[in-house]
Amino acid sequence: MPEITFASFVLSLNTSALYHMGELPHPETGQRLVDRELAKHTIDTLTLLAAKTKGNLDPNENELLTRILYELKMRFVKLS
């Protein structure tokens, strides 16, 4: 398994949110399922992470988290 870094953790949550919004197919079935509640929960988790780590991230980590949150929130709005 690759080393867990802040970036890989954030990217993992991003992938989870995209999956729950039906943007990524299930790896085994190829089906795209939409679960707004789980997508919102994952976005909320990233929002909490951003608040709790504010001022403690290096510039690259902060940029990654900020961009991912923005993109996910925009996609979620379009989904709703």
N, C-alpha and C. Protein backbone atom coordinates (compact mmCIF):
# COMPACT_ATOMS: atom_id res chain seq x y z
N MET A 1 0.84 -1.18 0.00
CA MET A 1 0.00 0.00 0.00
C MET A 1 0.89 1.25 0.00
N PRO A 2 0.46 2.27 -0.75
CA PRO A 2 1.25 3.51 -0.75
C PRO A 2 1.13 4.23 0.59
N GLU A 3 2.10 5.08 0.85
CA GLU A 3 2.11 5.85 2.10
C GLU A 3 0.90 6.78 2.14
N ILE A 4 0.31 6.91 3.31
CA ILE A 4 -0.81 7.83 3.49
C ILE A 4 -0.25 9.22 3.73
N THR A 5 -0.66 10.14 2.88
CA THR A 5 -0.28 11.54 3.03
C THR A 5 -1.56 12.35 3.13
N PHE A 6 -1.44 13.61 3.50
CA PHE A 6 -2.62 14.46 3.55
C PHE A 6 -3.27 14.54 2.18
N ALA A 7 -2.44 14.70 1.15
CA ALA A 7 -2.97 14.79 -0.22
C ALA A 7 -3.70 13.51 -0.63
N SER A 8 -3.14 12.36 -0.33
CA SER A 8 -3.80 11.11 -0.72
C SER A 8 -5.10 10.91 0.05
N PHE A 9 -5.15 11.36 1.29
CA PHE A 9 -6.37 11.28 2.09
C PHE A 9 -7.46 12.17 1.48
N VAL A 10 -7.11 13.41 1.14
CA VAL A 10 -8.06 14.33 0.54
C VAL A 10 -8.53 13.80 -0.81
N LEU A 11 -7.62 13.29 -1.61
CA LEU A 11 -7.99 12.73 -2.92
C LEU A 11 -8.90 11.52 -2.77
N SER A 12 -8.68 10.72 -1.74
CA SER A 12 -9.55 9.57 -1.48
C SER A 12 -10.97 10.03 -1.16
N LEU A 13 -11.09 11.05 -0.33
CA LEU A 13 -12.42 11.59 -0.01
C LEU A 13 -13.06 12.20 -1.25
N ASN A 14 -12.27 12.85 -2.09
CA ASN A 14 -12.77 13.40 -3.35
C ASN A 14 -13.35 12.29 -4.23
N THR A 15 -12.62 11.22 -4.36
CA THR A 15 -13.08 10.09 -5.17
C THR A 15 -14.38 9.53 -4.61
N SER A 16 -14.46 9.42 -3.31
CA SER A 16 -15.67 8.93 -2.66
C SER A 16 -16.86 9.83 -2.97
N ALA A 17 -16.67 11.13 -2.86
CA ALA A 17 -17.76 12.07 -3.14
C ALA A 17 -18.19 11.97 -4.60
N LEU A 18 -17.22 11.91 -5.51
CA LEU A 18 -17.55 11.79 -6.93
C LEU A 18 -18.31 10.50 -7.21
N TYR A 19 -17.91 9.44 -6.57
CA TYR A 19 -18.62 8.16 -6.73
C TYR A 19 -20.07 8.29 -6.26
N HIS A 20 -20.28 8.90 -5.10
CA HIS A 20 -21.62 9.02 -4.55
C HIS A 20 -22.49 10.00 -5.35
N MET A 21 -21.86 10.88 -6.12
CA MET A 21 -22.62 11.78 -6.98
C MET A 21 -22.87 11.16 -8.36
N GLY A 22 -22.44 9.92 -8.54
CA GLY A 22 -22.67 9.23 -9.81
C GLY A 22 -21.70 9.65 -10.91
N GLU A 23 -20.64 10.34 -10.55
CA GLU A 23 -19.67 10.80 -11.55
C GLU A 23 -18.65 9.72 -11.91
N LEU A 24 -18.49 8.77 -11.01
CA LEU A 24 -17.57 7.66 -11.26
C LEU A 24 -18.35 6.36 -11.18
N PRO A 25 -18.09 5.44 -12.09
CA PRO A 25 -18.80 4.16 -12.05
C PRO A 25 -18.25 3.24 -10.96
N HIS A 26 -19.10 2.33 -10.52
CA HIS A 26 -18.66 1.30 -9.58
C HIS A 26 -17.57 0.49 -10.28
N PRO A 27 -16.46 0.22 -9.60
CA PRO A 27 -15.34 -0.46 -10.27
C PRO A 27 -15.65 -1.88 -10.76
N GLU A 28 -16.59 -2.55 -10.11
CA GLU A 28 -16.89 -3.93 -10.51
C GLU A 28 -18.08 -4.02 -11.46
N THR A 29 -19.11 -3.22 -11.22
CA THR A 29 -20.33 -3.33 -12.03
C THR A 29 -20.40 -2.32 -13.16
N GLY A 30 -19.67 -1.24 -13.04
CA GLY A 30 -19.72 -0.19 -14.05
C GLY A 30 -20.94 0.71 -13.91
N GLN A 31 -21.81 0.42 -12.94
CA GLN A 31 -23.01 1.23 -12.74
C GLN A 31 -22.66 2.54 -12.05
N ARG A 32 -23.43 3.55 -12.38
CA ARG A 32 -23.29 4.85 -11.73
C ARG A 32 -24.50 5.06 -10.83
N LEU A 33 -24.24 5.14 -9.54
CA LEU A 33 -25.30 5.32 -8.57
C LEU A 33 -25.19 6.70 -7.94
N VAL A 34 -26.33 7.29 -7.60
CA VAL A 34 -26.33 8.60 -6.96
C VAL A 34 -26.90 8.45 -5.55
N ASP A 35 -26.12 8.88 -4.58
CA ASP A 35 -26.55 8.91 -3.19
C ASP A 35 -26.19 10.29 -2.65
N ARG A 36 -27.14 11.22 -2.76
CA ARG A 36 -26.89 12.61 -2.37
C ARG A 36 -26.47 12.73 -0.90
N GLU A 37 -27.08 11.92 -0.04
CA GLU A 37 -26.79 12.00 1.39
C GLU A 37 -25.33 11.65 1.67
N LEU A 38 -24.83 10.57 1.05
CA LEU A 38 -23.43 10.20 1.27
C LEU A 38 -22.48 11.19 0.60
N ALA A 39 -22.87 11.73 -0.55
CA ALA A 39 -22.04 12.75 -1.20
C ALA A 39 -21.93 13.98 -0.30
N LYS A 40 -23.06 14.43 0.25
CA LYS A 40 -23.05 15.60 1.14
C LYS A 40 -22.24 15.32 2.39
N HIS A 41 -22.36 14.12 2.93
CA HIS A 41 -21.60 13.76 4.12
C HIS A 41 -20.08 13.84 3.86
N THR A 42 -19.66 13.38 2.70
CA THR A 42 -18.24 13.41 2.36
C THR A 42 -17.77 14.85 2.16
N ILE A 43 -18.59 15.67 1.51
CA ILE A 43 -18.24 17.08 1.34
C ILE A 43 -18.18 17.77 2.70
N ASP A 44 -19.12 17.46 3.57
CA ASP A 44 -19.11 18.03 4.92
C ASP A 44 -17.86 17.60 5.69
N THR A 45 -17.42 16.37 5.49
CA THR A 45 -16.20 15.88 6.14
C THR A 45 -14.99 16.68 5.66
N LEU A 46 -14.92 16.94 4.36
CA LEU A 46 -13.82 17.75 3.83
C LEU A 46 -13.89 19.19 4.34
N THR A 47 -15.10 19.72 4.48
CA THR A 47 -15.27 21.08 5.01
C THR A 47 -14.79 21.15 6.46
N LEU A 48 -15.13 20.15 7.24
CA LEU A 48 -14.66 20.07 8.63
C LEU A 48 -13.14 19.97 8.67
N LEU A 49 -12.59 19.15 7.82
CA LEU A 49 -11.14 18.99 7.75
C LEU A 49 -10.46 20.31 7.42
N ALA A 50 -11.04 21.07 6.50
CA ALA A 50 -10.48 22.36 6.12
C ALA A 50 -10.51 23.32 7.31
N ALA A 51 -11.61 23.33 8.04
CA ALA A 51 -11.73 24.23 9.19
C ALA A 51 -10.75 23.84 10.29
N LYS A 52 -10.61 22.56 10.56
CA LYS A 52 -9.75 22.10 11.65
C LYS A 52 -8.26 22.21 11.33
N THR A 53 -7.91 22.25 10.05
CA THR A 53 -6.50 22.31 9.68
C THR A 53 -6.08 23.70 9.21
N LYS A 54 -7.01 24.67 9.27
CA LYS A 54 -6.72 26.03 8.80
C LYS A 54 -5.48 26.58 9.51
N GLY A 55 -4.55 27.06 8.70
CA GLY A 55 -3.32 27.61 9.24
C GLY A 55 -2.24 26.58 9.51
N ASN A 56 -2.55 25.30 9.33
CA ASN A 56 -1.58 24.24 9.60
C ASN A 56 -1.16 23.46 8.35
N LEU A 57 -1.63 23.87 7.20
CA LEU A 57 -1.30 23.17 5.97
C LEU A 57 -0.23 23.93 5.21
N ASP A 58 0.58 23.18 4.46
CA ASP A 58 1.51 23.89 3.59
C ASP A 58 0.72 24.43 2.39
N PRO A 59 1.28 25.35 1.63
CA PRO A 59 0.52 25.98 0.54
C PRO A 59 -0.07 24.98 -0.47
N ASN A 60 0.68 23.94 -0.79
CA ASN A 60 0.17 22.95 -1.75
C ASN A 60 -1.02 22.18 -1.18
N GLU A 61 -0.95 21.80 0.07
CA GLU A 61 -2.06 21.08 0.71
C GLU A 61 -3.29 21.98 0.80
N ASN A 62 -3.09 23.23 1.16
CA ASN A 62 -4.21 24.16 1.26
C ASN A 62 -4.86 24.37 -0.10
N GLU A 63 -4.06 24.54 -1.13
CA GLU A 63 -4.57 24.72 -2.49
C GLU A 63 -5.37 23.49 -2.95
N LEU A 64 -4.84 22.32 -2.70
CA LEU A 64 -5.53 21.08 -3.08
C LEU A 64 -6.89 21.00 -2.40
N LEU A 65 -6.92 21.18 -1.10
CA LEU A 65 -8.17 21.07 -0.35
C LEU A 65 -9.17 22.14 -0.79
N THR A 66 -8.70 23.36 -0.97
CA THR A 66 -9.58 24.45 -1.39
C THR A 66 -10.19 24.18 -2.76
N ARG A 67 -9.39 23.76 -3.70
CA ARG A 67 -9.88 23.48 -5.07
C ARG A 67 -10.85 22.31 -5.09
N ILE A 68 -10.50 21.25 -4.37
CA ILE A 68 -11.38 20.08 -4.35
C ILE A 68 -12.72 20.43 -3.73
N LEU A 69 -12.72 21.15 -2.62
CA LEU A 69 -13.97 21.55 -1.99
C LEU A 69 -14.82 22.41 -2.92
N TYR A 70 -14.20 23.35 -3.59
CA TYR A 70 -14.94 24.21 -4.53
C TYR A 70 -15.58 23.36 -5.64
N GLU A 71 -14.78 22.50 -6.25
CA GLU A 71 -15.29 21.68 -7.35
C GLU A 71 -16.42 20.75 -6.90
N LEU A 72 -16.24 20.12 -5.74
CA LEU A 72 -17.27 19.21 -5.26
C LEU A 72 -18.56 19.96 -4.94
N LYS A 73 -18.44 21.12 -4.33
CA LYS A 73 -19.65 21.89 -4.00
C LYS A 73 -20.38 22.33 -5.27
N MET A 74 -19.64 22.73 -6.30
CA MET A 74 -20.28 23.12 -7.56
C MET A 74 -20.98 21.93 -8.22
N ARG A 75 -20.33 20.78 -8.20
CA ARG A 75 -20.94 19.57 -8.79
C ARG A 75 -22.17 19.16 -8.00
N PHE A 76 -22.12 19.31 -6.68
CA PHE A 76 -23.26 18.94 -5.84
C PHE A 76 -24.45 19.85 -6.12
N VAL A 77 -24.19 21.13 -6.29
CA VAL A 77 -25.27 22.07 -6.63
C VAL A 77 -25.91 21.68 -7.96
N LYS A 78 -25.10 21.35 -8.94
CA LYS A 78 -25.63 20.93 -10.25
C LYS A 78 -26.45 19.65 -10.13
N LEU A 79 -26.05 18.79 -9.22
CA LEU A 79 -26.74 17.52 -9.01
C LEU A 79 -28.12 17.74 -8.39
N SER A 80 -28.22 18.74 -7.54
CA SER A 80 -29.46 19.00 -6.80
C SER A 80 -30.46 19.73 -7.62
